């Protein structure tokens, strides 16, 4: 749903409200006659578009700039000469009054493209940030190594050092197991022993208190960690809802 707020006189509010009702997946979340005290409201409601009258925007310049940092800003006005000033207030578009439906629709489409482009950019940036971290490889701290979460099989702690066991290599760095545990995504890693953290996605089998990783690594689950590990495992365990009353005949 694409949300909108309007700051204008009652006649313009009625016109824009009517246009908004004609567009699928658009809704009006607020209509106001003044920009006063709206910054805090918009911080909470975060409308995708804010339509505001040029004179109101000019008289409340500071608030208008703040609006543009929260939402896509579209300014409406009575004269084409106001267009340049509107863009200087960070508006993405200026619409001449009385607002025609074709102009309204054009600027909404433009706004949607901008918002979706920003969202896509944010998601890509978030994904890039969250798939790796860096460690100091040696005691001098001069060599920095990039480590991807998905490449880690398990992490072994030994006093003030940890070993990151990877697919084709390992890294030793000056960190405690507790320090690294606090920075790891909980949906990918779990502490299974006072000395071990494993990558859940690398587990190939579990037999009693033994965890098998990538078919050749084996780690024992510590007694104090077994409950939490079992709970995490059960979240991904497929189970039948049928009652098993009799085992199949092996003959």
C-alpha atoms as a PDB file:
ATOM      1  CA  UNK A   1       0.000   0.000   0.000  1.00  0.00           C
ATOM      2  CA  UNK A   2       1.281   3.455  -1.004  1.00  0.00           C
ATOM      3  CA  UNK A   3       0.359   6.048   1.635  1.00  0.00           C
ATOM      4  CA  UNK A   4      -0.180   9.793   1.210  1.00  0.00           C
ATOM      5  CA  UNK A   5      -0.640  12.884   3.362  1.00  0.00           C
ATOM      6  CA  UNK A   6      -1.933  16.267   2.188  1.00  0.00           C
ATOM      7  CA  UNK A   7      -1.196  19.734   3.581  1.00  0.00           C
ATOM      8  CA  UNK A   8      -3.405  22.268   1.797  1.00  0.00           C
ATOM      9  CA  UNK A   9      -6.722  24.112   1.875  1.00  0.00           C
ATOM     10  CA  UNK A  10      -9.955  22.147   1.996  1.00  0.00           C
ATOM     11  CA  UNK A  11     -10.707  22.490  -1.734  1.00  0.00           C
ATOM     12  CA  UNK A  12      -7.321  21.076  -2.810  1.00  0.00           C
ATOM     13  CA  UNK A  13      -7.554  18.362  -0.151  1.00  0.00           C
ATOM     14  CA  UNK A  14     -10.905  17.255  -1.593  1.00  0.00           C
ATOM     15  CA  UNK A  15      -9.491  17.173  -5.136  1.00  0.00           C
ATOM     16  CA  UNK A  16      -6.390  15.173  -4.227  1.00  0.00           C
ATOM     17  CA  UNK A  17      -8.389  12.849  -1.983  1.00  0.00           C
ATOM     18  CA  UNK A  18     -10.677  12.053  -4.913  1.00  0.00           C
ATOM     19  CA  UNK A  19      -7.708  11.267  -7.150  1.00  0.00           C
ATOM     20  CA  UNK A  20      -6.090   9.065  -4.502  1.00  0.00           C
ATOM     21  CA  UNK A  21      -9.294   7.019  -4.234  1.00  0.00           C
ATOM     22  CA  UNK A  22      -9.093   6.305  -7.982  1.00  0.00           C
ATOM     23  CA  UNK A  23      -5.634   4.694  -7.746  1.00  0.00           C
ATOM     24  CA  UNK A  24      -5.325   1.090  -6.602  1.00  0.00           C
ATOM     25  CA  UNK A  25      -3.077   0.442  -3.595  1.00  0.00           C
ATOM     26  CA  UNK A  26      -3.030   4.110  -2.581  1.00  0.00           C
ATOM     27  CA  UNK A  27      -4.543   5.456   0.610  1.00  0.00           C
ATOM     28  CA  UNK A  28      -4.785   8.808   2.370  1.00  0.00           C
ATOM     29  CA  UNK A  29      -3.445   8.628   5.927  1.00  0.00           C
ATOM     30  CA  UNK A  30      -3.742  12.315   6.855  1.00  0.00           C
ATOM     31  CA  UNK A  31      -5.024  15.701   5.638  1.00  0.00           C
ATOM     32  CA  UNK A  32      -3.997  18.980   7.290  1.00  0.00           C
ATOM     33  CA  UNK A  33      -4.417  22.713   6.772  1.00  0.00           C
ATOM     34  CA  UNK A  34      -1.037  23.615   8.292  1.00  0.00           C
ATOM     35  CA  UNK A  35       2.447  22.032   8.527  1.00  0.00           C
ATOM     36  CA  UNK A  36       2.752  22.988  12.222  1.00  0.00           C
ATOM     37  CA  UNK A  37       3.644  20.117  14.575  1.00  0.00           C
ATOM     38  CA  UNK A  38       3.557  17.538  11.761  1.00  0.00           C
ATOM     39  CA  UNK A  39       7.213  16.484  11.774  1.00  0.00           C
ATOM     40  CA  UNK A  40       6.791  14.163  14.761  1.00  0.00           C
ATOM     41  CA  UNK A  41       3.607  12.723  13.252  1.00  0.00           C
ATOM     42  CA  UNK A  42       5.298  11.996   9.920  1.00  0.00           C
ATOM     43  CA  UNK A  43       8.291  10.401  11.661  1.00  0.00           C
ATOM     44  CA  UNK A  44       5.821   7.850  13.058  1.00  0.00           C
ATOM     45  CA  UNK A  45       3.402   7.427  10.125  1.00  0.00           C
ATOM     46  CA  UNK A  46       6.080   7.752   7.395  1.00  0.00           C
ATOM     47  CA  UNK A  47       3.775   8.482   4.432  1.00  0.00           C
ATOM     48  CA  UNK A  48       5.263   7.605   1.042  1.00  0.00           C
ATOM     49  CA  UNK A  49       4.121  10.939  -0.438  1.00  0.00           C
ATOM     50  CA  UNK A  50       3.455  14.323   1.144  1.00  0.00           C
ATOM     51  CA  UNK A  51       1.508  16.800  -1.011  1.00  0.00           C
ATOM     52  CA  UNK A  52       1.911  20.381   0.237  1.00  0.00           C
ATOM     53  CA  UNK A  53       0.778  23.775  -1.022  1.00  0.00           C
ATOM     54  CA  UNK A  54       3.612  26.039  -2.184  1.00  0.00           C
ATOM     55  CA  UNK A  55       2.736  28.977   0.065  1.00  0.00           C
ATOM     56  CA  UNK A  56       2.492  26.732   3.126  1.00  0.00           C
ATOM     57  CA  UNK A  57       5.790  25.102   2.196  1.00  0.00           C
ATOM     58  CA  UNK A  58       7.496  28.489   1.757  1.00  0.00           C
ATOM     59  CA  UNK A  59       6.105  29.891   5.014  1.00  0.00           C
ATOM     60  CA  UNK A  60       7.263  26.773   6.871  1.00  0.00           C
ATOM     61  CA  UNK A  61      10.546  26.197   5.050  1.00  0.00           C
ATOM     62  CA  UNK A  62      12.341  24.317   7.849  1.00  0.00           C
ATOM     63  CA  UNK A  63       9.444  21.875   8.358  1.00  0.00           C
ATOM     64  CA  UNK A  64       9.186  21.338   4.593  1.00  0.00           C
ATOM     65  CA  UNK A  65      12.853  20.381   4.328  1.00  0.00           C
ATOM     66  CA  UNK A  66      12.339  17.983   7.243  1.00  0.00           C
ATOM     67  CA  UNK A  67       9.343  16.469   5.435  1.00  0.00           C
ATOM     68  CA  UNK A  68      11.510  15.828   2.374  1.00  0.00           C
ATOM     69  CA  UNK A  69      13.916  13.809   4.526  1.00  0.00           C
ATOM     70  CA  UNK A  70      11.051  11.571   5.665  1.00  0.00           C
ATOM     71  CA  UNK A  71       8.918  11.159   2.538  1.00  0.00           C
ATOM     72  CA  UNK A  72       8.704  11.973  -1.148  1.00  0.00           C
ATOM     73  CA  UNK A  73       7.672  15.637  -1.326  1.00  0.00           C
ATOM     74  CA  UNK A  74       5.341  17.001  -4.023  1.00  0.00           C
ATOM     75  CA  UNK A  75       4.489  20.726  -4.008  1.00  0.00           C
ATOM     76  CA  UNK A  76       1.379  22.187  -5.624  1.00  0.00           C
ATOM     77  CA  UNK A  77       0.955  25.857  -6.550  1.00  0.00           C
ATOM     78  CA  UNK A  78      -1.011  28.492  -8.478  1.00  0.00           C
ATOM     79  CA  UNK A  79       1.819  29.727 -10.733  1.00  0.00           C
ATOM     80  CA  UNK A  80       4.354  27.977 -12.996  1.00  0.00           C
ATOM     81  CA  UNK A  81       6.957  30.463 -11.751  1.00  0.00           C
ATOM     82  CA  UNK A  82       7.032  28.665  -8.391  1.00  0.00           C
ATOM     83  CA  UNK A  83       8.422  25.445  -9.890  1.00  0.00           C
ATOM     84  CA  UNK A  84      12.107  26.296  -9.411  1.00  0.00           C
ATOM     85  CA  UNK A  85      11.618  27.324  -5.776  1.00  0.00           C
ATOM     86  CA  UNK A  86       9.672  24.113  -5.168  1.00  0.00           C
ATOM     87  CA  UNK A  87      12.570  22.006  -6.399  1.00  0.00           C
ATOM     88  CA  UNK A  88      14.923  23.985  -4.142  1.00  0.00           C
ATOM     89  CA  UNK A  89      12.797  22.779  -1.227  1.00  0.00           C
ATOM     90  CA  UNK A  90      13.713  19.187  -2.203  1.00  0.00           C
ATOM     91  CA  UNK A  91      10.383  18.459  -3.890  1.00  0.00           C
ATOM     92  CA  UNK A  92      10.591  15.770  -6.579  1.00  0.00           C
ATOM     93  CA  UNK A  93       7.880  17.514  -8.578  1.00  0.00           C
ATOM     94  CA  UNK A  94       5.727  20.630  -8.821  1.00  0.00           C
ATOM     95  CA  UNK A  95       2.079  20.430  -9.931  1.00  0.00           C
ATOM     96  CA  UNK A  96       0.119  23.445 -11.140  1.00  0.00           C
ATOM     97  CA  UNK A  97      -3.297  24.106  -9.587  1.00  0.00           C
ATOM     98  CA  UNK A  98      -6.052  23.297 -10.227  1.00  0.00           C
ATOM     99  CA  UNK A  99      -4.475  19.841 -10.226  1.00  0.00           C
ATOM    100  CA  UNK A 100      -5.474  17.696 -13.183  1.00  0.00           C
ATOM    101  CA  UNK A 101      -5.753  13.934 -12.807  1.00  0.00           C
ATOM    102  CA  UNK A 102      -3.167  13.293 -15.543  1.00  0.00           C
ATOM    103  CA  UNK A 103      -0.599  15.473 -13.728  1.00  0.00           C
ATOM    104  CA  UNK A 104      -1.421  13.783 -10.430  1.00  0.00           C
ATOM    105  CA  UNK A 105      -1.010  10.311 -11.918  1.00  0.00           C
ATOM    106  CA  UNK A 106       2.281  11.214 -13.621  1.00  0.00           C
ATOM    107  CA  UNK A 107       3.864  12.499 -10.415  1.00  0.00           C
ATOM    108  CA  UNK A 108       2.586   9.507  -8.380  1.00  0.00           C
ATOM    109  CA  UNK A 109       4.200   7.109 -10.861  1.00  0.00           C
ATOM    110  CA  UNK A 110       7.409   9.118 -10.651  1.00  0.00           C
ATOM    111  CA  UNK A 111       7.290   9.033  -6.855  1.00  0.00           C
ATOM    112  CA  UNK A 112       6.719   5.278  -6.781  1.00  0.00           C
ATOM    113  CA  UNK A 113       9.723   4.682  -9.007  1.00  0.00           C
ATOM    114  CA  UNK A 114      11.909   6.797  -6.725  1.00  0.00           C
ATOM    115  CA  UNK A 115      10.677   5.109  -3.537  1.00  0.00           C
ATOM    116  CA  UNK A 116      11.078   1.585  -4.919  1.00  0.00           C
ATOM    117  CA  UNK A 117      14.546   2.451  -6.237  1.00  0.00           C
ATOM    118  CA  UNK A 118      15.551   3.709  -2.776  1.00  0.00           C
ATOM    119  CA  UNK A 119      14.090   0.594  -1.122  1.00  0.00           C
ATOM    120  CA  UNK A 120      15.924  -1.709  -3.520  1.00  0.00           C
ATOM    121  CA  UNK A 121      19.175   0.144  -2.901  1.00  0.00           C
ATOM    122  CA  UNK A 122      18.684  -0.108   0.877  1.00  0.00           C
ATOM    123  CA  UNK A 123      17.963  -3.847   0.695  1.00  0.00           C
ATOM    124  CA  UNK A 124      21.040  -4.481  -1.434  1.00  0.00           C
ATOM    125  CA  UNK A 125      23.179  -2.430   0.930  1.00  0.00           C
ATOM    126  CA  UNK A 126      21.794  -4.294   3.942  1.00  0.00           C
ATOM    127  CA  UNK A 127      22.504  -7.654   2.330  1.00  0.00           C
ATOM    128  CA  UNK A 128      26.058  -6.652   1.494  1.00  0.00           C
ATOM    129  CA  UNK A 129      26.728  -5.422   5.028  1.00  0.00           C
ATOM    130  CA  UNK A 130      25.270  -8.483   6.728  1.00  0.00           C
ATOM    131  CA  UNK A 131      27.000 -11.303   4.854  1.00  0.00           C
ATOM    132  CA  UNK A 132      30.533 -10.820   6.223  1.00  0.00           C
ATOM    133  CA  UNK A 133      32.816  -9.282   8.831  1.00  0.00           C
ATOM    134  CA  UNK A 134      36.538  -8.540   9.204  1.00  0.00           C
ATOM    135  CA  UNK A 135      39.103  -9.851  11.685  1.00  0.00           C
ATOM    136  CA  UNK A 136      42.706  -9.069  12.536  1.00  0.00           C
ATOM    137  CA  UNK A 137      44.761 -11.998  11.315  1.00  0.00           C
ATOM    138  CA  UNK A 138      47.932 -11.410  13.329  1.00  0.00           C
ATOM    139  CA  UNK A 139      48.862  -9.967  16.727  1.00  0.00           C
ATOM    140  CA  UNK A 140      50.137  -6.718  15.176  1.00  0.00           C
ATOM    141  CA  UNK A 141      46.716  -6.068  13.651  1.00  0.00           C
ATOM    142  CA  UNK A 142      48.262  -5.074  10.321  1.00  0.00           C
ATOM    143  CA  UNK A 143      46.622  -7.846   8.309  1.00  0.00           C
ATOM    144  CA  UNK A 144      42.835  -7.639   8.060  1.00  0.00           C
ATOM    145  CA  UNK A 145      40.909 -10.593   6.637  1.00  0.00           C
ATOM    146  CA  UNK A 146      37.349 -10.658   5.307  1.00  0.00           C
ATOM    147  CA  UNK A 147      35.269 -13.582   6.568  1.00  0.00           C
ATOM    148  CA  UNK A 148      31.880 -14.535   5.105  1.00  0.00           C
ATOM    149  CA  UNK A 149      29.381 -16.059   7.510  1.00  0.00           C
ATOM    150  CA  UNK A 150      28.419 -18.751   5.008  1.00  0.00           C
ATOM    151  CA  UNK A 151      32.038 -19.930   4.695  1.00  0.00           C
ATOM    152  CA  UNK A 152      32.404 -20.733   8.407  1.00  0.00           C
ATOM    153  CA  UNK A 153      31.896 -24.365   9.430  1.00  0.00           C
ATOM    154  CA  UNK A 154      32.503 -23.848  13.140  1.00  0.00           C
ATOM    155  CA  UNK A 155      34.410 -21.664  15.577  1.00  0.00           C
ATOM    156  CA  UNK A 156      36.665 -23.054  18.282  1.00  0.00           C
ATOM    157  CA  UNK A 157      37.659 -21.029  21.317  1.00  0.00           C
ATOM    158  CA  UNK A 158      40.835 -21.355  23.337  1.00  0.00           C
ATOM    159  CA  UNK A 159      41.214 -18.796  26.153  1.00  0.00           C
ATOM    160  CA  UNK A 160      41.712 -15.404  24.437  1.00  0.00           C
ATOM    161  CA  UNK A 161      41.877 -16.749  20.881  1.00  0.00           C
ATOM    162  CA  UNK A 162      39.416 -18.292  18.474  1.00  0.00           C
ATOM    163  CA  UNK A 163      39.922 -20.404  15.362  1.00  0.00           C
ATOM    164  CA  UNK A 164      37.510 -19.882  12.493  1.00  0.00           C
ATOM    165  CA  UNK A 165      37.334 -23.205  10.660  1.00  0.00           C
ATOM    166  CA  UNK A 166      36.407 -22.511   7.039  1.00  0.00           C
ATOM    167  CA  UNK A 167      35.750 -24.669   3.997  1.00  0.00           C
ATOM    168  CA  UNK A 168      39.341 -24.528   2.717  1.00  0.00           C
ATOM    169  CA  UNK A 169      41.296 -22.745   5.428  1.00  0.00           C
ATOM    170  CA  UNK A 170      41.238 -21.509   9.022  1.00  0.00           C
ATOM    171  CA  UNK A 171      41.901 -18.178  10.735  1.00  0.00           C
ATOM    172  CA  UNK A 172      43.271 -17.569  14.216  1.00  0.00           C
ATOM    173  CA  UNK A 173      42.427 -14.219  15.797  1.00  0.00           C
ATOM    174  CA  UNK A 174      42.636 -12.527  19.191  1.00  0.00           C
ATOM    175  CA  UNK A 175      39.001 -12.703  20.300  1.00  0.00           C
ATOM    176  CA  UNK A 176      37.101 -14.670  22.898  1.00  0.00           C
ATOM    177  CA  UNK A 177      34.285 -17.034  21.960  1.00  0.00           C
ATOM    178  CA  UNK A 178      31.847 -14.795  23.841  1.00  0.00           C
ATOM    179  CA  UNK A 179      32.932 -11.725  21.860  1.00  0.00           C
ATOM    180  CA  UNK A 180      32.458 -13.424  18.491  1.00  0.00           C
ATOM    181  CA  UNK A 181      29.173 -15.022  19.611  1.00  0.00           C
ATOM    182  CA  UNK A 182      27.641 -11.612  20.360  1.00  0.00           C
ATOM    183  CA  UNK A 183      28.307 -10.436  16.792  1.00  0.00           C
ATOM    184  CA  UNK A 184      27.070 -13.527  14.933  1.00  0.00           C
ATOM    185  CA  UNK A 185      23.548 -13.766  13.431  1.00  0.00           C
ATOM    186  CA  UNK A 186      21.533 -16.041  15.722  1.00  0.00           C
ATOM    187  CA  UNK A 187      19.620 -17.601  12.843  1.00  0.00           C
ATOM    188  CA  UNK A 188      22.891 -19.001  11.425  1.00  0.00           C
ATOM    189  CA  UNK A 189      25.057 -19.857  14.441  1.00  0.00           C
ATOM    190  CA  UNK A 190      24.584 -21.572  17.793  1.00  0.00           C
ATOM    191  CA  UNK A 191      26.816 -22.243  20.780  1.00  0.00           C
ATOM    192  CA  UNK A 192      26.905 -26.021  21.383  1.00  0.00           C
ATOM    193  CA  UNK A 193      29.841 -26.303  23.806  1.00  0.00           C
ATOM    194  CA  UNK A 194      31.901 -24.030  26.018  1.00  0.00           C
ATOM    195  CA  UNK A 195      34.555 -24.192  23.291  1.00  0.00           C
ATOM    196  CA  UNK A 196      32.478 -24.414  20.092  1.00  0.00           C
ATOM    197  CA  UNK A 197      30.019 -22.435  17.981  1.00  0.00           C
ATOM    198  CA  UNK A 198      28.678 -24.142  14.858  1.00  0.00           C
ATOM    199  CA  UNK A 199      27.132 -22.884  11.640  1.00  0.00           C
ATOM    200  CA  UNK A 200      23.647 -24.427  11.659  1.00  0.00           C
ATOM    201  CA  UNK A 201      23.616 -24.604   7.866  1.00  0.00           C
ATOM    202  CA  UNK A 202      26.747 -26.809   7.897  1.00  0.00           C
ATOM    203  CA  UNK A 203      25.152 -29.516  10.069  1.00  0.00           C
ATOM    204  CA  UNK A 204      24.666 -32.701   8.036  1.00  0.00           C
ATOM    205  CA  UNK A 205      23.578 -35.045  10.847  1.00  0.00           C
ATOM    206  CA  UNK A 206      23.021 -35.305  14.588  1.00  0.00           C
ATOM    207  CA  UNK A 207      23.468 -38.572  16.445  1.00  0.00           C
ATOM    208  CA  UNK A 208      22.823 -38.335  20.168  1.00  0.00           C
ATOM    209  CA  UNK A 209      25.235 -35.700  21.444  1.00  0.00           C
ATOM    210  CA  UNK A 210      27.360 -35.749  18.284  1.00  0.00           C
ATOM    211  CA  UNK A 211      27.065 -33.113  15.569  1.00  0.00           C
ATOM    212  CA  UNK A 212      28.410 -33.908  12.102  1.00  0.00           C
ATOM    213  CA  UNK A 213      29.489 -30.943   9.994  1.00  0.00           C
ATOM    214  CA  UNK A 214      30.151 -31.128   6.256  1.00  0.00           C
ATOM    215  CA  UNK A 215      30.441 -34.926   6.529  1.00  0.00           C
ATOM    216  CA  UNK A 216      33.933 -34.937   8.028  1.00  0.00           C
ATOM    217  CA  UNK A 217      33.897 -32.661  11.096  1.00  0.00           C
ATOM    218  CA  UNK A 218      32.434 -33.942  14.382  1.00  0.00           C
ATOM    219  CA  UNK A 219      31.681 -31.954  17.549  1.00  0.00           C
ATOM    220  CA  UNK A 220      30.208 -33.058  20.866  1.00  0.00           C
ATOM    221  CA  UNK A 221      27.273 -31.085  22.292  1.00  0.00           C
ATOM    222  CA  UNK A 222      27.971 -29.938  25.854  1.00  0.00           C
ATOM    223  CA  UNK A 223      25.382 -30.965  28.441  1.00  0.00           C
ATOM    224  CA  UNK A 224      24.586 -27.360  29.442  1.00  0.00           C
ATOM    225  CA  UNK A 225      23.995 -26.401  25.784  1.00  0.00           C
ATOM    226  CA  UNK A 226      21.982 -29.436  24.680  1.00  0.00           C
ATOM    227  CA  UNK A 227      18.560 -28.011  25.596  1.00  0.00           C
ATOM    228  CA  UNK A 228      19.006 -24.840  23.567  1.00  0.00           C
ATOM    229  CA  UNK A 229      20.548 -26.777  20.671  1.00  0.00           C
ATOM    230  CA  UNK A 230      17.679 -29.299  20.621  1.00  0.00           C
ATOM    231  CA  UNK A 231      15.134 -26.468  20.609  1.00  0.00           C
ATOM    232  CA  UNK A 232      16.874 -24.761  17.695  1.00  0.00           C
ATOM    233  CA  UNK A 233      17.090 -28.060  15.806  1.00  0.00           C
ATOM    234  CA  UNK A 234      13.400 -28.810  16.396  1.00  0.00           C
ATOM    235  CA  UNK A 235      12.482 -25.479  14.786  1.00  0.00           C
ATOM    236  CA  UNK A 236      13.745 -26.902  11.493  1.00  0.00           C
ATOM    237  CA  UNK A 237      12.764 -30.535  12.044  1.00  0.00           C
ATOM    238  CA  UNK A 238       9.978 -31.891   9.859  1.00  0.00           C
ATOM    239  CA  UNK A 239       7.581 -34.025  11.887  1.00  0.00           C
ATOM    240  CA  UNK A 240       4.507 -36.033  11.012  1.00  0.00           C
ATOM    241  CA  UNK A 241       1.252 -35.066  12.679  1.00  0.00           C
ATOM    242  CA  UNK A 242       0.029 -38.675  12.505  1.00  0.00           C
ATOM    243  CA  UNK A 243       0.086 -40.985  15.479  1.00  0.00           C
ATOM    244  CA  UNK A 244       2.563 -43.799  14.986  1.00  0.00           C
ATOM    245  CA  UNK A 245       0.929 -46.855  16.549  1.00  0.00           C
ATOM    246  CA  UNK A 246       2.732 -49.630  14.730  1.00  0.00           C
ATOM    247  CA  UNK A 247       6.071 -49.854  12.986  1.00  0.00           C
ATOM    248  CA  UNK A 248       6.091 -51.289   9.432  1.00  0.00           C
ATOM    249  CA  UNK A 249       6.781 -55.005   9.166  1.00  0.00           C
ATOM    250  CA  UNK A 250      10.430 -55.512   8.281  1.00  0.00           C
ATOM    251  CA  UNK A 251       9.757 -58.933   6.693  1.00  0.00           C
END
